[in-house]
PDB file of N, CA and C in Angstrom:
ATOM      1  N   ALA A   1      -2.329  -3.433  17.163  1.00  0.00           N
ATOM      2  CA  ALA A   1      -2.564  -3.512  16.262  1.00  0.00           C
ATOM      3  C   ALA A   1      -2.429  -4.513  15.476  1.00  0.00           C
ATOM      4  N   GLU A   2      -1.485  -6.194  16.322  1.00  0.00           N
ATOM      5  CA  GLU A   2      -2.381  -7.351  15.450  1.00  0.00           C
ATOM      6  C   GLU A   2      -3.189  -8.084  15.265  1.00  0.00           C
ATOM      7  N   LEU A   3      -3.997  -7.639  16.978  1.00  0.00           N
ATOM      8  CA  LEU A   3      -5.533  -7.934  16.929  1.00  0.00           C
ATOM      9  C   LEU A   3      -6.243  -7.437  16.004  1.00  0.00           C
ATOM     10  N   LEU A   4      -6.009  -6.289  15.825  1.00  0.00           N
ATOM     11  CA  LEU A   4      -6.875  -5.560  15.016  1.00  0.00           C
ATOM     12  C   LEU A   4      -7.410  -5.506  13.312  1.00  0.00           C
ATOM     13  N   CYS A   5      -5.708  -6.314  13.164  1.00  0.00           N
ATOM     14  CA  CYS A   5      -5.153  -7.115  12.079  1.00  0.00           C
ATOM     15  C   CYS A   5      -6.449  -8.434  11.567  1.00  0.00           C
ATOM     16  N   ARG A   6      -6.184  -9.051  12.013  1.00  0.00           N
ATOM     17  CA  ARG A   6      -6.901 -10.237  12.679  1.00  0.00           C
ATOM     18  C   ARG A   6      -7.923 -10.202  12.439  1.00  0.00           C
ATOM     19  N   LEU A   7      -9.069  -9.004  13.454  1.00  0.00           N
ATOM     20  CA  LEU A   7     -10.581  -9.070  13.534  1.00  0.00           C
ATOM     21  C   LEU A   7     -10.908  -8.427  11.956  1.00  0.00           C
ATOM     22  N   VAL A   8     -10.029  -7.767  11.159  1.00  0.00           N
ATOM     23  CA  VAL A   8     -10.695  -6.902  10.258  1.00  0.00           C
ATOM     24  C   VAL A   8     -10.334  -7.889   8.972  1.00  0.00           C
ATOM     25  N   VAL A   9      -9.505  -8.973   8.702  1.00  0.00           N
ATOM     26  CA  VAL A   9      -9.546  -9.731   8.134  1.00  0.00           C
ATOM     27  C   VAL A   9     -10.852 -10.945   8.601  1.00  0.00           C
ATOM     28  N   ASP A  10      -9.842 -11.607   9.416  1.00  0.00           N
ATOM     29  CA  ASP A  10     -11.420 -12.049   9.780  1.00  0.00           C
ATOM     30  C   ASP A  10     -12.567 -11.689   9.735  1.00  0.00           C
ATOM     31  N   CYS A  11     -13.499 -10.822  10.470  1.00  0.00           N
ATOM     32  CA  CYS A  11     -14.196 -10.934  10.839  1.00  0.00           C
ATOM     33  C   CYS A  11     -15.149 -10.301  10.412  1.00  0.00           C
ATOM     34  N   LEU A  12     -14.996  -9.638   9.409  1.00  0.00           N
ATOM     35  CA  LEU A  12     -14.728  -7.918   8.555  1.00  0.00           C
ATOM     36  C   LEU A  12     -15.640  -9.252   6.584  1.00  0.00           C
ATOM     37  N   GLU A  13     -16.516  -8.616   6.600  1.00  0.00           N
ATOM     38  CA  GLU A  13     -17.231  -8.585   5.060  1.00  0.00           C
ATOM     39  C   GLU A  13     -16.229  -7.595   4.057  1.00  0.00           C
ATOM     40  N   PRO A  14     -15.894  -7.862   3.493  1.00  0.00           N
ATOM     41  CA  PRO A  14     -15.008  -7.627   2.045  1.00  0.00           C
ATOM     42  C   PRO A  14     -15.990  -5.926   1.920  1.00  0.00           C
ATOM     43  N   HIS A  15     -16.981  -5.906   1.810  1.00  0.00           N
ATOM     44  CA  HIS A  15     -17.163  -4.277   1.629  1.00  0.00           C
ATOM     45  C   HIS A  15     -17.045  -3.338   3.159  1.00  0.00           C
ATOM     46  N   HIS A  16     -17.247  -4.268   4.566  1.00  0.00           N
ATOM     47  CA  HIS A  16     -16.620  -3.081   5.722  1.00  0.00           C
ATOM     48  C   HIS A  16     -15.228  -3.156   5.540  1.00  0.00           C
ATOM     49  N   ARG A  17     -14.254  -4.107   4.896  1.00  0.00           N
ATOM     50  CA  ARG A  17     -12.897  -3.751   4.682  1.00  0.00           C
ATOM     51  C   ARG A  17     -12.176  -2.613   4.122  1.00  0.00           C
ATOM     52  N   LEU A  18     -13.508  -2.676   2.879  1.00  0.00           N
ATOM     53  CA  LEU A  18     -13.297  -1.480   2.325  1.00  0.00           C
ATOM     54  C   LEU A  18     -13.265  -0.222   2.890  1.00  0.00           C
ATOM     55  N   LEU A  19     -14.060  -0.106   3.888  1.00  0.00           N
ATOM     56  CA  LEU A  19     -14.384   0.655   4.477  1.00  0.00           C
ATOM     57  C   LEU A  19     -13.594   1.415   5.937  1.00  0.00           C
ATOM     58  N   VAL A  20     -12.958   0.581   6.021  1.00  0.00           N
ATOM     59  CA  VAL A  20     -11.929   0.550   7.127  1.00  0.00           C
ATOM     60  C   VAL A  20     -11.281   1.001   5.919  1.00  0.00           C
ATOM     61  N   PHE A  21     -10.461   0.695   5.557  1.00  0.00           N
ATOM     62  CA  PHE A  21      -9.397   0.758   4.306  1.00  0.00           C
ATOM     63  C   PHE A  21      -9.526   2.336   3.874  1.00  0.00           C
ATOM     64  N   ARG A  22     -10.707   2.891   3.827  1.00  0.00           N
ATOM     65  CA  ARG A  22     -10.555   4.709   2.777  1.00  0.00           C
ATOM     66  C   ARG A  22     -10.783   4.917   4.184  1.00  0.00           C
ATOM     67  N   THR A  23     -11.250   4.567   5.824  1.00  0.00           N
ATOM     68  CA  THR A  23     -11.197   5.293   6.135  1.00  0.00           C
ATOM     69  C   THR A  23      -9.462   5.842   7.161  1.00  0.00           C
ATOM     70  N   ILE A  24      -8.969   4.498   6.841  1.00  0.00           N
ATOM     71  CA  ILE A  24      -7.172   4.483   7.389  1.00  0.00           C
ATOM     72  C   ILE A  24      -6.393   5.125   6.817  1.00  0.00           C
ATOM     73  N   LEU A  25      -7.245   5.549   5.589  1.00  0.00           N
ATOM     74  CA  LEU A  25      -5.600   6.528   5.246  1.00  0.00           C
ATOM     75  C   LEU A  25      -6.205   7.961   4.812  1.00  0.00           C
ATOM     76  N   GLY A  26      -7.324   8.358   6.072  1.00  0.00           N
ATOM     77  CA  GLY A  26      -7.023   9.028   6.472  1.00  0.00           C
ATOM     78  C   GLY A  26      -6.546   9.926   7.672  1.00  0.00           C
ATOM     79  N   VAL A  27      -6.052   8.825   8.352  1.00  0.00           N
ATOM     80  CA  VAL A  27      -5.747   8.921   9.873  1.00  0.00           C
ATOM     81  C   VAL A  27      -4.119   9.506   9.563  1.00  0.00           C
ATOM     82  N   SER A  28      -3.516   9.230  10.540  1.00  0.00           N
ATOM     83  CA  SER A  28      -1.806   9.654  10.989  1.00  0.00           C
ATOM     84  C   SER A  28      -1.250   8.067  11.121  1.00  0.00           C
ATOM     85  N   TRP A  29      -0.518   8.066  10.056  1.00  0.00           N
ATOM     86  CA  TRP A  29       0.259   6.864   9.761  1.00  0.00           C
ATOM     87  C   TRP A  29       1.005   6.671  11.130  1.00  0.00           C
ATOM     88  N   ASP A  30       1.437   5.105  11.561  1.00  0.00           N
ATOM     89  CA  ASP A  30       2.384   5.354  12.697  1.00  0.00           C
ATOM     90  C   ASP A  30       2.916   3.595  11.991  1.00  0.00           C
ATOM     91  N   GLU A  31       3.757   2.859  12.753  1.00  0.00           N
ATOM     92  CA  GLU A  31       4.063   1.098  12.452  1.00  0.00           C
ATOM     93  C   GLU A  31       2.632   0.066  12.362  1.00  0.00           C
ATOM     94  N   GLY A  32       1.819   0.416  13.164  1.00  0.00           N
ATOM     95  CA  GLY A  32       1.025   0.102  13.359  1.00  0.00           C
ATOM     96  C   GLY A  32      -0.796   0.304  12.540  1.00  0.00           C
ATOM     97  N   VAL A  33      -0.509   1.355  11.717  1.00  0.00           N
ATOM     98  CA  VAL A  33      -0.995   1.337  11.212  1.00  0.00           C
ATOM     99  C   VAL A  33      -0.365   0.468  10.038  1.00  0.00           C
ATOM    100  N   LEU A  34       0.778   1.038   9.372  1.00  0.00           N
ATOM    101  CA  LEU A  34       0.279  -0.107   8.317  1.00  0.00           C
ATOM    102  C   LEU A  34       0.523  -1.591   8.384  1.00  0.00           C
ATOM    103  N   SER A  35       0.372  -2.261   9.797  1.00  0.00           N
ATOM    104  CA  SER A  35      -0.086  -3.372   9.538  1.00  0.00           C
ATOM    105  C   SER A  35      -0.931  -3.617   9.218  1.00  0.00           C
ATOM    106  N   VAL A  36      -2.026  -2.880   9.518  1.00  0.00           N
ATOM    107  CA  VAL A  36      -3.297  -2.959   9.462  1.00  0.00           C
ATOM    108  C   VAL A  36      -3.957  -2.598   7.675  1.00  0.00           C
ATOM    109  N   ILE A  37      -3.065  -2.191   7.410  1.00  0.00           N
ATOM    110  CA  ILE A  37      -2.977  -1.776   5.905  1.00  0.00           C
ATOM    111  C   ILE A  37      -2.800  -3.111   4.851  1.00  0.00           C
ATOM    112  N   HIS A  38      -1.632  -3.583   5.645  1.00  0.00           N
ATOM    113  CA  HIS A  38      -0.675  -4.249   4.743  1.00  0.00           C
ATOM    114  C   HIS A  38      -1.412  -5.473   4.931  1.00  0.00           C
ATOM    115  N   ALA A  39      -2.336  -5.937   5.582  1.00  0.00           N
ATOM    116  CA  ALA A  39      -3.491  -7.005   6.436  1.00  0.00           C
ATOM    117  C   ALA A  39      -4.322  -6.772   5.313  1.00  0.00           C
ATOM    118  N   LEU A  40      -5.176  -5.921   4.965  1.00  0.00           N
ATOM    119  CA  LEU A  40      -6.557  -5.363   4.116  1.00  0.00           C
ATOM    120  C   LEU A  40      -5.866  -5.861   2.939  1.00  0.00           C
ATOM    121  N   LEU A  41      -5.001  -5.029   2.501  1.00  0.00           N
ATOM    122  CA  LEU A  41      -4.017  -5.537   1.141  1.00  0.00           C
ATOM    123  C   LEU A  41      -3.930  -7.214   0.957  1.00  0.00           C
ATOM    124  N   ASP A  42      -3.742  -7.437   1.749  1.00  0.00           N
ATOM    125  CA  ASP A  42      -3.266  -8.975   1.742  1.00  0.00           C
ATOM    126  C   ASP A  42      -4.567  -9.761   2.122  1.00  0.00           C
ATOM    127  N   SER A  43      -5.622  -9.039   2.173  1.00  0.00           N
ATOM    128  CA  SER A  43      -6.819  -9.726   1.697  1.00  0.00           C
ATOM    129  C   SER A  43      -7.734  -9.522   0.266  1.00  0.00           C
ATOM    130  N   LYS A  44      -7.034  -8.903  -0.551  1.00  0.00           N
ATOM    131  CA  LYS A  44      -7.948  -8.882  -1.842  1.00  0.00           C
ATOM    132  C   LYS A  44      -8.501  -8.036  -1.388  1.00  0.00           C
ATOM    133  N   LEU A  45      -8.450  -6.888  -1.418  1.00  0.00           N
ATOM    134  CA  LEU A  45      -9.624  -5.552  -1.274  1.00  0.00           C
ATOM    135  C   LEU A  45     -10.021  -5.171  -2.579  1.00  0.00           C
ATOM    136  N   ASP A  46     -11.149  -4.905  -3.417  1.00  0.00           N
ATOM    137  CA  ASP A  46     -11.676  -5.171  -4.105  1.00  0.00           C
ATOM    138  C   ASP A  46     -11.191  -3.487  -4.462  1.00  0.00           C
ATOM    139  N   LEU A  47     -10.661  -2.068  -4.655  1.00  0.00           N
ATOM    140  CA  LEU A  47     -10.424  -1.227  -4.862  1.00  0.00           C
ATOM    141  C   LEU A  47     -10.962  -0.650  -6.431  1.00  0.00           C
ATOM    142  N   SER A  48     -11.293   0.370  -6.028  1.00  0.00           N
ATOM    143  CA  SER A  48     -11.193   1.210  -7.860  1.00  0.00           C
ATOM    144  C   SER A  48     -10.363   1.879  -8.134  1.00  0.00           C
ATOM    145  N   VAL A  49     -10.288   2.484  -9.237  1.00  0.00           N
ATOM    146  CA  VAL A  49      -9.583   3.232  -9.539  1.00  0.00           C
ATOM    147  C   VAL A  49      -8.949   3.802  -8.892  1.00  0.00           C
ATOM    148  N   GLY A  50      -9.997   4.636  -8.381  1.00  0.00           N
ATOM    149  CA  GLY A  50     -10.320   6.278  -7.839  1.00  0.00           C
ATOM    150  C   GLY A  50      -9.845   6.114  -6.277  1.00  0.00           C
ATOM    151  N   ASP A  51     -10.174   4.913  -5.585  1.00  0.00           N
ATOM    152  CA  ASP A  51      -9.593   4.124  -4.081  1.00  0.00           C
ATOM    153  C   ASP A  51      -7.858   3.763  -4.142  1.00  0.00           C
ATOM    154  N   PHE A  52      -7.371   3.442  -5.246  1.00  0.00           N
ATOM    155  CA  PHE A  52      -6.309   2.627  -5.867  1.00  0.00           C
ATOM    156  C   PHE A  52      -5.246   4.026  -5.512  1.00  0.00           C
ATOM    157  N   SER A  53      -6.284   4.897  -6.128  1.00  0.00           N
ATOM    158  CA  SER A  53      -5.487   6.614  -7.496  1.00  0.00           C
ATOM    159  C   SER A  53      -5.369   6.936  -5.793  1.00  0.00           C
ATOM    160  N   LEU A  54      -5.960   7.469  -5.090  1.00  0.00           N
ATOM    161  CA  LEU A  54      -5.892   8.386  -3.594  1.00  0.00           C
ATOM    162  C   LEU A  54      -4.307   7.135  -2.651  1.00  0.00           C
ATOM    163  N   PHE A  55      -4.769   6.132  -1.917  1.00  0.00           N
ATOM    164  CA  PHE A  55      -3.984   5.149  -2.000  1.00  0.00           C
ATOM    165  C   PHE A  55      -2.529   5.563  -2.628  1.00  0.00           C
ATOM    166  N   ALA A  56      -2.342   5.505  -3.696  1.00  0.00           N
ATOM    167  CA  ALA A  56      -0.866   5.547  -4.188  1.00  0.00           C
ATOM    168  C   ALA A  56      -0.607   7.037  -3.988  1.00  0.00           C
ATOM    169  N   GLU A  57      -1.324   8.012  -4.251  1.00  0.00           N
ATOM    170  CA  GLU A  57      -0.394   9.493  -3.569  1.00  0.00           C
ATOM    171  C   GLU A  57      -0.538   9.647  -1.984  1.00  0.00           C
ATOM    172  N   GLU A  58      -1.163   9.311  -1.588  1.00  0.00           N
ATOM    173  CA  GLU A  58      -0.964   8.512   0.163  1.00  0.00           C
ATOM    174  C   GLU A  58       0.276   7.999   0.597  1.00  0.00           C
ATOM    175  N   LEU A  59       0.410   7.258  -0.419  1.00  0.00           N
ATOM    176  CA  LEU A  59       2.160   6.128  -0.669  1.00  0.00           C
ATOM    177  C   LEU A  59       2.861   7.419  -0.514  1.00  0.00           C
ATOM    178  N   CYS A  60       2.432   7.437  -0.929  1.00  0.00           N
ATOM    179  CA  CYS A  60       3.950   9.184  -2.101  1.00  0.00           C
ATOM    180  C   CYS A  60       3.851  10.312  -0.501  1.00  0.00           C
ATOM    181  N   LYS A  61       3.223  10.320   0.220  1.00  0.00           N
ATOM    182  CA  LYS A  61       3.402  11.565   0.657  1.00  0.00           C
ATOM    183  C   LYS A  61       4.256  11.043   1.976  1.00  0.00           C
ATOM    184  N   GLN A  62       3.873   9.982   2.184  1.00  0.00           N
ATOM    185  CA  GLN A  62       4.343   8.829   3.892  1.00  0.00           C
ATOM    186  C   GLN A  62       5.298   8.317   3.496  1.00  0.00           C
ATOM    187  N   SER A  63       6.274   7.649   2.189  1.00  0.00           N
ATOM    188  CA  SER A  63       7.285   7.797   1.945  1.00  0.00           C
ATOM    189  C   SER A  63       8.648   8.346   2.698  1.00  0.00           C
ATOM    190  N   LEU A  64       8.166   9.534   2.683  1.00  0.00           N
ATOM    191  CA  LEU A  64       9.723  10.054   3.177  1.00  0.00           C
ATOM    192  C   LEU A  64       9.737   9.550   4.253  1.00  0.00           C
ATOM    193  N   HIS A  65       8.637   9.337   5.457  1.00  0.00           N
ATOM    194  CA  HIS A  65       8.942   9.241   6.441  1.00  0.00           C
ATOM    195  C   HIS A  65       9.322   8.207   7.334  1.00  0.00           C
ATOM    196  N   TYR A  66       8.695   6.961   5.979  1.00  0.00           N
ATOM    197  CA  TYR A  66       8.501   5.702   6.077  1.00  0.00           C
ATOM    198  C   TYR A  66      10.190   5.253   5.149  1.00  0.00           C
ATOM    199  N   SER A  67      11.028   5.878   4.586  1.00  0.00           N
ATOM    200  CA  SER A  67      12.241   5.823   4.024  1.00  0.00           C
ATOM    201  C   SER A  67      12.979   4.190   4.556  1.00  0.00           C
ATOM    202  N   LYS A  68      12.625   4.085   6.218  1.00  0.00           N
ATOM    203  CA  LYS A  68      13.933   2.841   6.175  1.00  0.00           C
ATOM    204  C   LYS A  68      13.512   2.166   6.828  1.00  0.00           C
ATOM    205  N   SER A  69      11.452   2.373   6.721  1.00  0.00           N
ATOM    206  CA  SER A  69      10.530   1.274   7.375  1.00  0.00           C
ATOM    207  C   SER A  69      10.532  -0.133   6.446  1.00  0.00           C
ATOM    208  N   MET A  70      10.971  -1.203   7.335  1.00  0.00           N
ATOM    209  CA  MET A  70      10.872  -2.484   7.021  1.00  0.00           C
ATOM    210  C   MET A  70       9.052  -3.154   5.984  1.00  0.00           C
ATOM    211  N   LYS A  71       8.478  -2.814   7.604  1.00  0.00           N
ATOM    212  CA  LYS A  71       6.992  -2.674   6.900  1.00  0.00           C
ATOM    213  C   LYS A  71       6.376  -1.887   6.106  1.00  0.00           C
ATOM    214  N   PHE A  72       6.773  -0.351   5.587  1.00  0.00           N
ATOM    215  CA  PHE A  72       6.242   0.170   4.563  1.00  0.00           C
ATOM    216  C   PHE A  72       6.526  -0.304   3.250  1.00  0.00           C
ATOM    217  N   ALA A  73       7.986  -0.624   2.866  1.00  0.00           N
ATOM    218  CA  ALA A  73       8.691  -1.377   2.339  1.00  0.00           C
ATOM    219  C   ALA A  73       8.084  -2.618   2.034  1.00  0.00           C
ATOM    220  N   LYS A  74       7.899  -3.623   2.902  1.00  0.00           N
ATOM    221  CA  LYS A  74       6.831  -5.203   2.744  1.00  0.00           C
ATOM    222  C   LYS A  74       5.931  -4.571   1.404  1.00  0.00           C
ATOM    223  N   MET A  75       5.131  -4.195   2.439  1.00  0.00           N
ATOM    224  CA  MET A  75       3.712  -3.032   1.965  1.00  0.00           C
ATOM    225  C   MET A  75       3.900  -2.319   0.299  1.00  0.00           C
ATOM    226  N   LEU A  76       4.505  -1.527   0.298  1.00  0.00           N
ATOM    227  CA  LEU A  76       4.696  -1.248  -1.137  1.00  0.00           C
ATOM    228  C   LEU A  76       5.178  -2.592  -1.912  1.00  0.00           C
ATOM    229  N   LEU A  77       6.013  -3.767  -1.727  1.00  0.00           N
ATOM    230  CA  LEU A  77       6.389  -4.819  -2.272  1.00  0.00           C
ATOM    231  C   LEU A  77       4.986  -5.828  -2.665  1.00  0.00           C
ATOM    232  N   SER A  78       3.821  -5.508  -1.885  1.00  0.00           N
ATOM    233  CA  SER A  78       2.759  -6.681  -1.922  1.00  0.00           C
ATOM    234  C   SER A  78       1.635  -5.825  -2.964  1.00  0.00           C
ATOM    235  N   VAL A  79       1.765  -3.929  -3.074  1.00  0.00           N
ATOM    236  CA  VAL A  79       0.898  -3.196  -3.609  1.00  0.00           C
ATOM    237  C   VAL A  79       1.858  -3.988  -5.134  1.00  0.00           C
ATOM    238  N   LEU A  80       2.675  -3.769  -5.672  1.00  0.00           N
ATOM    239  CA  LEU A  80       3.164  -3.715  -6.925  1.00  0.00           C
ATOM    240  C   LEU A  80       3.154  -4.945  -7.184  1.00  0.00           C
ATOM    241  N   THR A  81       2.849  -5.943  -6.432  1.00  0.00           N
ATOM    242  CA  THR A  81       2.807  -7.176  -7.031  1.00  0.00           C
ATOM    243  C   THR A  81       1.490  -8.305  -6.823  1.00  0.00           C
ATOM    244  N   LYS A  82       0.387  -7.265  -6.263  1.00  0.00           N
ATOM    245  CA  LYS A  82      -1.000  -8.071  -6.024  1.00  0.00           C
ATOM    246  C   LYS A  82      -1.892  -6.812  -6.713  1.00  0.00           C
ATOM    247  N   TYR A  83      -1.313  -5.569  -6.898  1.00  0.00           N
ATOM    248  CA  TYR A  83      -2.342  -4.410  -7.321  1.00  0.00           C
ATOM    249  C   TYR A  83      -1.819  -3.809  -8.699  1.00  0.00           C
ATOM    250  N   GLN A  84      -1.485  -4.932  -9.778  1.00  0.00           N
ATOM    251  CA  GLN A  84      -0.591  -4.288 -10.762  1.00  0.00           C
ATOM    252  C   GLN A  84      -1.621  -3.852 -12.075  1.00  0.00           C
ATOM    253  N   SER A  85      -3.135  -4.167 -11.831  1.00  0.00           N
ATOM    254  CA  SER A  85      -4.072  -4.273 -13.115  1.00  0.00           C
ATOM    255  C   SER A  85      -4.073  -2.759 -12.447  1.00  0.00           C
ATOM    256  N   HIS A  86      -4.326  -2.548 -11.107  1.00  0.00           N
ATOM    257  CA  HIS A  86      -4.697  -1.218 -10.836  1.00  0.00           C
ATOM    258  C   HIS A  86      -3.712   0.656 -11.302  1.00  0.00           C
ATOM    259  N   VAL A  87      -2.509  -0.214 -11.487  1.00  0.00           N
ATOM    260  CA  VAL A  87      -1.253   0.929 -11.846  1.00  0.00           C
ATOM    261  C   VAL A  87      -1.584   1.358 -13.630  1.00  0.00           C
ATOM    262  N   ASN A  88      -2.448   3.004 -13.643  1.00  0.00           N
ATOM    263  CA  ASN A  88      -2.255   3.378 -14.897  1.00  0.00           C
ATOM    264  C   ASN A  88      -0.669   4.453 -14.548  1.00  0.00           C
ATOM    265  N   PRO A  89      -0.594   5.160 -15.972  1.00  0.00           N
ATOM    266  CA  PRO A  89       0.750   5.898 -16.025  1.00  0.00           C
ATOM    267  C   PRO A  89       0.477   7.076 -14.672  1.00  0.00           C
ATOM    268  N   SER A  90      -0.688   7.362 -14.621  1.00  0.00           N
ATOM    269  CA  SER A  90       0.053   8.774 -13.577  1.00  0.00           C
ATOM    270  C   SER A  90       0.026   7.506 -11.635  1.00  0.00           C
ATOM    271  N   CYS A  91      -0.542   6.526 -12.363  1.00  0.00           N
ATOM    272  CA  CYS A  91      -0.387   6.545 -10.710  1.00  0.00           C
ATOM    273  C   CYS A  91       1.592   5.735 -10.510  1.00  0.00           C
ATOM    274  N   HIS A  92       1.972   4.572 -11.806  1.00  0.00           N
ATOM    275  CA  HIS A  92       2.807   4.466 -12.310  1.00  0.00           C
ATOM    276  C   HIS A  92       4.039   5.716 -11.315  1.00  0.00           C
ATOM    277  N   HIS A  93       4.095   7.030 -12.276  1.00  0.00           N
ATOM    278  CA  HIS A  93       4.326   7.961 -11.885  1.00  0.00           C
ATOM    279  C   HIS A  93       4.584   8.363 -10.192  1.00  0.00           C
ATOM    280  N   THR A  94       3.281   8.657  -9.863  1.00  0.00           N
ATOM    281  CA  THR A  94       3.288   8.136  -8.242  1.00  0.00           C
ATOM    282  C   THR A  94       3.862   6.915  -7.546  1.00  0.00           C
ATOM    283  N   LEU A  95       4.107   6.195  -7.800  1.00  0.00           N
ATOM    284  CA  LEU A  95       4.955   4.956  -7.174  1.00  0.00           C
ATOM    285  C   LEU A  95       6.314   4.831  -7.539  1.00  0.00           C
ATOM    286  N   SER A  96       6.798   5.848  -8.673  1.00  0.00           N
ATOM    287  CA  SER A  96       8.030   5.740  -9.059  1.00  0.00           C
ATOM    288  C   SER A  96       8.703   6.537  -7.612  1.00  0.00           C
ATOM    289  N   SER A  97       7.928   7.810  -7.784  1.00  0.00           N
ATOM    290  CA  SER A  97       8.377   9.190  -6.908  1.00  0.00           C
ATOM    291  C   SER A  97       8.463   8.177  -5.367  1.00  0.00           C
ATOM    292  N   CYS A  98       7.758   7.419  -5.062  1.00  0.00           N
ATOM    293  CA  CYS A  98       7.627   7.204  -3.623  1.00  0.00           C
ATOM    294  C   CYS A  98       8.381   6.179  -3.483  1.00  0.00           C
ATOM    295  N   LEU A  99       8.666   5.484  -4.663  1.00  0.00           N
ATOM    296  CA  LEU A  99      10.092   4.102  -4.328  1.00  0.00           C
ATOM    297  C   LEU A  99      11.150   5.037  -4.160  1.00  0.00           C
ATOM    298  N   SER A 100      11.831   6.333  -4.271  1.00  0.00           N
ATOM    299  CA  SER A 100      13.166   6.774  -4.851  1.00  0.00           C
ATOM    300  C   SER A 100      13.299   7.413  -3.569  1.00  0.00           C
ATOM    301  N   PHE A 101      12.342   7.792  -2.664  1.00  0.00           N
ATOM    302  CA  PHE A 101      12.738   7.742  -1.174  1.00  0.00           C
ATOM    303  C   PHE A 101      13.382   6.775  -0.400  1.00  0.00           C
ATOM    304  N   ASN A 102      12.470   4.873  -0.820  1.00  0.00           N
ATOM    305  CA  ASN A 102      13.161   3.960   0.336  1.00  0.00           C
ATOM    306  C   ASN A 102      14.883   3.573   0.208  1.00  0.00           C
ATOM    307  N   GLU A 103      14.478   3.491   1.483  1.00  0.00           N
ATOM    308  CA  GLU A 103      16.411   3.513   1.674  1.00  0.00           C
ATOM    309  C   GLU A 103      16.759   2.238   2.801  1.00  0.00           C
ATOM    310  N   THR A 104      15.905   1.080   2.023  1.00  0.00           N
ATOM    311  CA  THR A 104      15.768  -0.288   2.604  1.00  0.00           C
ATOM    312  C   THR A 104      16.104  -1.337   1.678  1.00  0.00           C
ATOM    313  N   PHE A 105      16.742  -2.792   2.083  1.00  0.00           N
ATOM    314  CA  PHE A 105      18.026  -3.149   1.240  1.00  0.00           C
ATOM    315  C   PHE A 105      16.342  -3.897   0.431  1.00  0.00           C
ATOM    316  N   LEU A 106      15.184  -3.371   0.275  1.00  0.00           N
ATOM    317  CA  LEU A 106      14.605  -3.876  -0.962  1.00  0.00           C
ATOM    318  C   LEU A 106      14.079  -3.351  -1.958  1.00  0.00           C
ATOM    319  N   LYS A 107      14.944  -2.103  -1.875  1.00  0.00           N
ATOM    320  CA  LYS A 107      14.774  -0.737  -2.914  1.00  0.00           C
ATOM    321  C   LYS A 107      15.375  -1.544  -4.235  1.00  0.00           C
ATOM    322  N   LYS A 108      16.006  -1.931  -4.343  1.00  0.00           N
ATOM    323  CA  LYS A 108      15.783  -3.018  -5.784  1.00  0.00           C
ATOM    324  C   LYS A 108      14.876  -3.851  -6.763  1.00  0.00           C
ATOM    325  N   SER A 109      14.320  -4.919  -5.308  1.00  0.00           N
ATOM    326  CA  SER A 109      12.770  -5.318  -5.633  1.00  0.00           C
ATOM    327  C   SER A 109      11.714  -4.747  -5.945  1.00  0.00           C
ATOM    328  N   LEU A 110      12.040  -3.574  -5.245  1.00  0.00           N
ATOM    329  CA  LEU A 110      10.697  -2.530  -5.591  1.00  0.00           C
ATOM    330  C   LEU A 110      10.553  -2.179  -6.852  1.00  0.00           C
ATOM    331  N   GLN A 111      12.058  -1.573  -7.286  1.00  0.00           N
ATOM    332  CA  GLN A 111      11.955  -1.003  -8.558  1.00  0.00           C
ATOM    333  C   GLN A 111      12.160  -2.066  -9.630  1.00  0.00           C
ATOM    334  N   ALA A 112      12.129  -3.151  -9.769  1.00  0.00           N
ATOM    335  CA  ALA A 112      12.155  -3.586 -10.451  1.00  0.00           C
ATOM    336  C   ALA A 112      10.252  -5.003 -11.080  1.00  0.00           C
ATOM    337  N   ALA A 113       9.763  -4.555  -9.501  1.00  0.00           N
ATOM    338  CA  ALA A 113       8.386  -5.257  -9.423  1.00  0.00           C
ATOM    339  C   ALA A 113       7.578  -3.776 -10.453  1.00  0.00           C
ATOM    340  N   LEU A 114       7.693  -2.627  -9.910  1.00  0.00           N
ATOM    341  CA  LEU A 114       7.178  -1.383 -10.697  1.00  0.00           C
ATOM    342  C   LEU A 114       7.777  -1.855 -12.437  1.00  0.00           C
ATOM    343  N   LYS A 115       9.126  -1.768 -12.658  1.00  0.00           N
ATOM    344  CA  LYS A 115       9.458  -2.726 -13.886  1.00  0.00           C
ATOM    345  C   LYS A 115       8.315  -3.156 -14.472  1.00  0.00           C
ATOM    346  N   ARG A 116       8.090  -4.409 -13.531  1.00  0.00           N
ATOM    347  CA  ARG A 116       7.776  -5.140 -15.114  1.00  0.00           C
ATOM    348  C   ARG A 116       5.716  -5.409 -15.047  1.00  0.00           C
ATOM    349  N   ILE A 117       5.532  -3.981 -14.578  1.00  0.00           N
ATOM    350  CA  ILE A 117       4.131  -3.211 -14.532  1.00  0.00           C
ATOM    351  C   ILE A 117       3.994  -3.074 -15.595  1.00  0.00           C
ATOM    352  N   PRO A 118       3.181  -3.401 -16.884  1.00  0.00           N
ATOM    353  CA  PRO A 118       3.119  -2.749 -18.640  1.00  0.00           C
ATOM    354  C   PRO A 118       1.788  -1.901 -18.409  1.00  0.00           C
ATOM    355  N   LEU A 119       2.452  -0.685 -19.241  1.00  0.00           N
ATOM    356  CA  LEU A 119       1.201   0.472 -19.033  1.00  0.00           C
ATOM    357  C   LEU A 119       0.672   0.493 -19.944  1.00  0.00           C
TER     358      LEU A 119
END
């Protein structure tokens, strides 16, 4: 997963990173996939409103499975801090539901980051 993260971020053009991001949303998630998604998000993907909405829905679906995962929590924190402008009222509700399942020590930080996003 670490090698794939480096290849995706260092070797692909932005539009190819976006294609990888869209593709990875449809695969079965594991800790390695979380690392790749986080690396893609950190590369400042230019997500459309539709892409972000689909991603938020997938985060919500996966949140129960990763309620104790620090990788998932760190990825969520990255989403809430770097993609604030993408969060519309519908996504805000979806992300709020997602955070309700989180059982890591980052839960309060995640909730605070979500509250700072203007609607």
